[in-house]
Amino acid sequence: MKQTIIETVKEYAMLTFATVLLVIGVYVFKFPNHFSFGGVTGIAVVLTAVMPVSATMLTNVINIALLVLGFAVLGRGFGVRTVYVTLLSTLGLWLMERFCPMDAPLTGQPVLELIFAIILPAFSAAILFNMDASSGGTDIIAMIIKRFASIDIGVALMITDALVAVSSFFVYGPETGLFSVAGLLAKTLVIDGVIENFNLCKFFTIVSENPEPIVKFIHEDLNRSATVYRAEGTYLHKDKTVILAVTKRRQAVLLRNFVKVQEPGAFLMITNSSEIIGKGFQGF
């Protein structure tokens, strides 16, 4: 019971951290520069040019409306984490506007601010993705569409984001429009890169003549498991043992150094993998 409470607290602490990154990236760097890439916040930026309300107010209204719609349509299938992040981000944007009003960009350096407008929400999205959560907004629309239609949601959302970004050319001019399109193109690449690095593991293939110490080190020192099978070298036809193991990046350094010291003649191959599913990794 105590362990469950601790894990829940850690989980929601990470969700809160991710939401804070999102709010700062959107409110401090995206809204003042009228960058209109990405979801509800991008739509809000464009609409503020023709409506007498702030981007924060529009974002919060749209997010709450989509949240209510999600509950009505999806019911229990609606994720608790997504509800938490949506409500917290709504509160965070309101507090920022209330206590830290911004009438102009922070630095006057749009390229610098574009970088932070991309990186902070991208890190947030990667953390949320790893925790099976989202920031709501257009993700809720995607969940609803997925239930009732068989269209490619990813393509539909990308087209929508592209139309919003392109519309900023007509609303805010070519400079802001180009920044918005650049942000849209970079955002996906950054999110994918961050997610891949979060999940990055090291896959070891070790060809050894004395596997017992290596396997023992993997079990006892790294608290990991391994798979072994017998093989034969094609040059001298000596019996070999092939050890397969997967570790986290920090553990990979320890295992590599141990093998070098324990058996300098071992053949060692280390490859990167961000898709490991099994006990101790994703899915468990």
Protein backbone atom coordinates (compact mmCIF):
# COMPACT_ATOMS: atom_id res chain seq x y z
CA MET A 1 0.00 0.00 0.00
CA LYS A 2 2.76 2.44 0.99
CA GLN A 3 4.74 1.59 -2.13
CA THR A 4 1.67 2.22 -4.29
CA ILE A 5 1.19 5.67 -2.73
CA ILE A 6 4.83 6.55 -3.29
CA GLU A 7 4.65 5.47 -6.94
CA THR A 8 1.46 7.49 -7.44
CA VAL A 9 3.07 10.59 -5.90
CA LYS A 10 6.12 10.19 -8.16
CA GLU A 11 3.89 9.73 -11.20
CA TYR A 12 1.88 12.88 -10.56
CA ALA A 13 5.02 14.82 -9.70
CA MET A 14 6.34 13.99 -13.19
CA LEU A 15 3.00 14.91 -14.75
CA THR A 16 3.12 18.23 -12.90
CA PHE A 17 6.69 18.88 -14.04
CA ALA A 18 5.76 18.14 -17.65
CA THR A 19 2.75 20.48 -17.40
CA VAL A 20 4.90 23.30 -15.98
CA LEU A 21 7.28 22.94 -18.95
CA LEU A 22 4.31 23.09 -21.31
CA VAL A 23 2.81 26.19 -19.67
CA ILE A 24 6.12 28.08 -19.66
CA GLY A 25 6.86 27.17 -23.27
CA VAL A 26 3.42 28.23 -24.45
CA TYR A 27 2.81 31.33 -22.34
CA VAL A 28 6.31 32.84 -22.20
CA PHE A 29 7.61 31.99 -25.67
CA LYS A 30 4.75 31.00 -27.96
CA PHE A 31 1.92 33.42 -27.25
CA PRO A 32 3.89 36.72 -27.23
CA ASN A 33 5.53 35.90 -30.57
CA HIS A 34 2.27 34.70 -32.19
CA PHE A 35 3.82 31.34 -33.11
CA SER A 36 0.83 29.37 -34.36
CA PHE A 37 2.10 25.80 -34.67
CA GLY A 38 0.56 22.93 -32.78
CA GLY A 39 -2.92 22.11 -31.62
CA VAL A 40 -5.27 24.25 -29.57
CA THR A 41 -2.66 26.87 -28.63
CA GLY A 42 -1.87 27.44 -32.32
CA ILE A 43 -5.56 27.85 -33.12
CA ALA A 44 -5.93 30.28 -30.20
CA VAL A 45 -2.99 32.39 -31.43
CA VAL A 46 -4.60 32.79 -34.85
CA LEU A 47 -8.08 33.52 -33.47
CA THR A 48 -6.81 36.27 -31.14
CA ALA A 49 -6.07 38.34 -34.25
CA VAL A 50 -9.79 38.51 -35.04
CA MET A 51 -11.32 38.18 -31.57
CA PRO A 52 -11.02 40.59 -28.61
CA VAL A 53 -9.77 37.95 -26.15
CA SER A 54 -6.36 36.69 -25.09
CA ALA A 55 -4.75 33.51 -26.39
CA THR A 56 -4.74 32.18 -22.82
CA MET A 57 -8.49 32.68 -22.46
CA LEU A 58 -9.21 31.05 -25.83
CA THR A 59 -6.91 28.11 -25.09
CA ASN A 60 -8.56 27.48 -21.72
CA VAL A 61 -12.09 27.74 -23.12
CA ILE A 62 -11.33 25.34 -25.98
CA ASN A 63 -9.51 22.88 -23.69
CA ILE A 64 -12.35 22.79 -21.15
CA ALA A 65 -14.93 22.41 -23.92
CA LEU A 66 -12.98 19.49 -25.41
CA LEU A 67 -12.58 17.99 -21.94
CA VAL A 68 -16.34 18.04 -21.41
CA LEU A 69 -16.86 16.62 -24.90
CA GLY A 70 -14.36 13.87 -24.17
CA PHE A 71 -16.18 12.87 -20.99
CA ALA A 72 -19.52 12.89 -22.81
CA VAL A 73 -18.33 10.77 -25.72
CA LEU A 74 -15.59 8.56 -24.26
CA GLY A 75 -16.81 8.12 -20.69
CA ARG A 76 -14.50 5.90 -18.65
CA GLY A 77 -12.21 5.47 -21.63
CA PHE A 78 -11.00 8.97 -20.95
CA GLY A 79 -7.60 8.93 -19.24
CA VAL A 80 -7.32 10.30 -15.69
CA ARG A 81 -3.80 11.55 -16.39
CA THR A 82 -5.00 13.50 -19.42
CA VAL A 83 -7.76 15.11 -17.33
CA TYR A 84 -5.21 16.07 -14.67
CA VAL A 85 -2.78 17.60 -17.17
CA THR A 86 -5.54 19.48 -19.01
CA LEU A 87 -6.95 21.00 -15.83
CA LEU A 88 -3.48 21.81 -14.45
CA SER A 89 -2.34 23.46 -17.69
CA THR A 90 -5.57 25.49 -17.78
CA LEU A 91 -4.94 26.66 -14.23
CA GLY A 92 -1.27 27.33 -14.97
CA LEU A 93 -2.03 29.50 -18.02
CA TRP A 94 -4.64 31.45 -16.05
CA LEU A 95 -2.19 32.05 -13.16
CA MET A 96 0.55 33.17 -15.55
CA GLU A 97 -1.77 35.64 -17.25
CA ARG A 98 -3.06 36.87 -13.89
CA PHE A 99 0.28 37.37 -12.13
CA CYS A 100 2.84 37.57 -14.97
CA PRO A 101 1.16 39.45 -17.82
CA MET A 102 3.25 39.67 -21.00
CA ASP A 103 2.47 42.31 -23.60
CA ALA A 104 5.59 41.71 -25.69
CA PRO A 105 8.18 38.98 -26.38
CA LEU A 106 10.62 38.26 -23.58
CA THR A 107 13.88 39.02 -25.41
CA GLY A 108 13.13 40.46 -28.82
CA GLN A 109 15.09 37.55 -30.35
CA PRO A 110 12.46 35.50 -32.23
CA VAL A 111 14.82 32.69 -33.27
CA LEU A 112 15.92 32.14 -29.67
CA GLU A 113 12.35 32.22 -28.45
CA LEU A 114 11.22 29.86 -31.21
CA ILE A 115 13.78 27.33 -29.96
CA PHE A 116 12.34 27.44 -26.45
CA ALA A 117 8.77 27.45 -27.79
CA ILE A 118 9.63 24.13 -29.46
CA ILE A 119 11.92 22.48 -26.91
CA LEU A 120 9.91 23.01 -23.70
CA PRO A 121 6.57 21.68 -25.03
CA ALA A 122 8.46 18.90 -26.84
CA PHE A 123 10.05 17.69 -23.60
CA SER A 124 6.65 17.94 -21.96
CA ALA A 125 4.99 15.91 -24.74
CA ALA A 126 7.71 13.25 -24.54
CA ILE A 127 7.30 12.86 -20.77
CA LEU A 128 3.52 12.65 -21.11
CA PHE A 129 3.80 10.14 -23.96
CA ASN A 130 6.03 7.90 -21.85
CA MET A 131 3.48 8.05 -19.04
CA ASP A 132 0.54 7.21 -21.33
CA ALA A 133 -0.90 10.70 -20.94
CA SER A 134 -1.42 13.78 -23.09
CA SER A 135 -2.09 17.48 -22.70
CA GLY A 136 -5.62 17.14 -24.04
CA GLY A 137 -6.70 19.58 -26.75
CA THR A 138 -6.56 18.08 -30.23
CA ASP A 139 -5.53 14.73 -28.71
CA ILE A 140 -9.08 14.48 -27.37
CA ILE A 141 -10.45 15.09 -30.85
CA ALA A 142 -8.16 12.32 -32.12
CA MET A 143 -9.48 9.91 -29.48
CA ILE A 144 -13.07 10.70 -30.45
CA ILE A 145 -12.38 10.32 -34.18
CA LYS A 146 -10.60 7.03 -33.54
CA ARG A 147 -13.71 5.62 -31.86
CA PHE A 148 -16.09 6.45 -34.69
CA ALA A 149 -13.98 6.52 -37.86
CA SER A 150 -11.16 4.60 -39.51
CA ILE A 151 -9.29 7.56 -41.02
CA ASP A 152 -5.60 8.12 -40.38
CA ILE A 153 -5.71 10.38 -37.32
CA GLY A 154 -2.05 11.35 -37.52
CA VAL A 155 -2.45 12.64 -41.07
CA ALA A 156 -5.67 14.49 -40.21
CA LEU A 157 -4.06 16.25 -37.23
CA MET A 158 -0.94 17.11 -39.25
CA ILE A 159 -3.06 18.68 -41.99
CA THR A 160 -4.99 20.68 -39.38
CA ASP A 161 -1.75 21.91 -37.75
CA ALA A 162 -0.35 22.82 -41.17
CA LEU A 163 -3.45 24.85 -42.07
CA VAL A 164 -3.26 26.72 -38.77
CA ALA A 165 0.44 27.47 -39.25
CA VAL A 166 -0.09 28.64 -42.85
CA SER A 167 -2.99 30.86 -41.78
CA SER A 168 -0.56 32.90 -39.66
CA PHE A 169 0.94 34.21 -42.94
CA PHE A 170 -2.32 36.05 -43.63
CA VAL A 171 -2.96 37.10 -40.04
CA TYR A 172 0.49 38.12 -38.72
CA GLY A 173 2.60 38.46 -41.86
CA PRO A 174 5.30 36.41 -43.63
CA GLU A 175 7.92 36.55 -40.85
CA THR A 176 5.65 35.09 -38.17
CA GLY A 177 4.21 32.70 -40.75
CA LEU A 178 7.65 31.34 -41.63
CA PHE A 179 8.55 30.97 -37.96
CA SER A 180 5.28 29.08 -37.39
CA VAL A 181 5.88 26.69 -40.29
CA ALA A 182 9.48 26.13 -39.15
CA GLY A 183 8.22 25.43 -35.63
CA LEU A 184 5.68 22.94 -36.93
CA LEU A 185 8.33 21.05 -38.91
CA ALA A 186 10.84 21.06 -36.05
CA LYS A 187 8.36 20.15 -33.32
CA THR A 188 7.71 16.61 -34.57
CA LEU A 189 11.41 15.90 -35.05
CA VAL A 190 12.27 17.17 -31.57
CA ILE A 191 9.47 15.21 -29.89
CA ASP A 192 10.49 12.00 -31.68
CA GLY A 193 14.14 12.56 -30.74
CA VAL A 194 13.36 13.22 -27.09
CA ILE A 195 11.09 10.18 -26.81
CA GLU A 196 13.73 7.98 -28.42
CA ASN A 197 16.41 9.24 -26.02
CA PHE A 198 14.14 8.74 -23.01
CA ASN A 199 13.64 5.11 -23.96
CA LEU A 200 17.13 4.43 -25.28
CA CYS A 201 18.63 1.14 -24.11
CA LYS A 202 21.77 -0.78 -25.02
CA PHE A 203 21.56 -4.24 -26.56
CA PHE A 204 24.62 -6.39 -25.90
CA THR A 205 25.79 -9.37 -27.93
CA ILE A 206 28.80 -10.87 -26.18
CA VAL A 207 30.72 -13.81 -27.65
CA SER A 208 32.61 -15.36 -24.75
CA GLU A 209 34.65 -18.42 -23.84
CA ASN A 210 34.02 -17.91 -20.11
CA PRO A 211 30.43 -16.67 -19.74
CA GLU A 212 29.77 -17.46 -16.05
CA PRO A 213 31.40 -14.33 -14.51
CA ILE A 214 29.72 -12.08 -17.07
CA VAL A 215 26.27 -13.61 -16.51
CA LYS A 216 26.76 -13.40 -12.75
CA PHE A 217 27.66 -9.71 -13.05
CA ILE A 218 24.54 -9.06 -15.14
CA HIS A 219 22.33 -10.83 -12.59
CA GLU A 220 23.82 -9.63 -9.32
CA ASP A 221 25.32 -6.22 -10.05
CA LEU A 222 23.01 -4.91 -12.75
CA ASN A 223 19.87 -6.75 -11.61
CA ARG A 224 19.18 -7.75 -15.21
CA SER A 225 18.73 -11.03 -16.99
CA ALA A 226 20.37 -12.50 -20.05
CA THR A 227 19.95 -15.19 -22.66
CA VAL A 228 22.77 -17.53 -23.63
CA TYR A 229 23.25 -20.02 -26.42
CA ARG A 230 26.12 -22.15 -27.64
CA ALA A 231 28.01 -21.31 -30.80
CA GLU A 232 31.18 -22.20 -32.67
CA GLY A 233 33.81 -19.89 -34.06
CA THR A 234 34.31 -20.38 -37.81
CA TYR A 235 38.06 -19.66 -37.79
CA LEU A 236 39.42 -21.96 -35.05
CA HIS A 237 36.18 -23.92 -34.52
CA LYS A 238 36.30 -23.28 -30.78
CA ASP A 239 33.18 -23.59 -28.65
CA LYS A 240 31.74 -20.19 -27.73
CA THR A 241 28.84 -18.88 -25.68
CA VAL A 242 26.79 -15.97 -26.96
CA ILE A 243 25.24 -13.78 -24.27
CA LEU A 244 22.34 -11.50 -25.12
CA ALA A 245 21.44 -8.76 -22.65
CA VAL A 246 19.68 -5.40 -22.57
CA THR A 247 20.59 -2.63 -20.14
CA LYS A 248 19.94 1.01 -19.47
CA ARG A 249 22.60 3.43 -20.66
CA ARG A 250 24.28 3.87 -17.28
CA GLN A 251 24.43 0.11 -16.79
CA ALA A 252 25.88 -0.33 -20.27
CA VAL A 253 29.07 1.45 -19.27
CA LEU A 254 29.49 -0.84 -16.26
CA LEU A 255 28.92 -3.99 -18.29
CA ARG A 256 31.24 -2.92 -21.09
CA ASN A 257 34.04 -2.12 -18.64
CA PHE A 258 33.54 -5.37 -16.75
CA VAL A 259 33.76 -7.47 -19.92
CA LYS A 260 36.92 -5.65 -21.02
CA VAL A 261 38.61 -6.43 -17.69
CA GLN A 262 37.18 -9.92 -17.15
CA GLU A 263 37.69 -11.26 -20.66
CA PRO A 264 39.71 -8.96 -22.94
CA GLY A 265 39.41 -11.45 -25.81
CA ALA A 266 35.60 -11.45 -25.79
CA PHE A 267 33.82 -10.17 -28.90
CA LEU A 268 31.44 -7.42 -27.90
CA MET A 269 28.71 -5.74 -29.97
CA ILE A 270 26.61 -2.91 -28.52
CA THR A 271 23.66 -1.42 -30.38
CA ASN A 272 21.07 1.22 -29.51
CA SER A 273 17.41 0.37 -29.19
CA SER A 274 14.49 2.53 -28.10
CA GLU A 275 11.86 -0.21 -28.46
CA ILE A 276 12.44 -2.80 -25.75
CA ILE A 277 9.22 -4.36 -24.44
CA GLY A 278 9.42 -6.80 -21.56
CA LYS A 279 9.97 -7.14 -17.84
CA GLY A 280 11.97 -4.23 -16.48
CA PHE A 281 11.36 -2.15 -19.60
CA GLN A 282 8.31 -0.84 -21.49
CA GLY A 283 4.99 -2.55 -21.06
CA PHE A 284 5.70 -3.93 -17.57
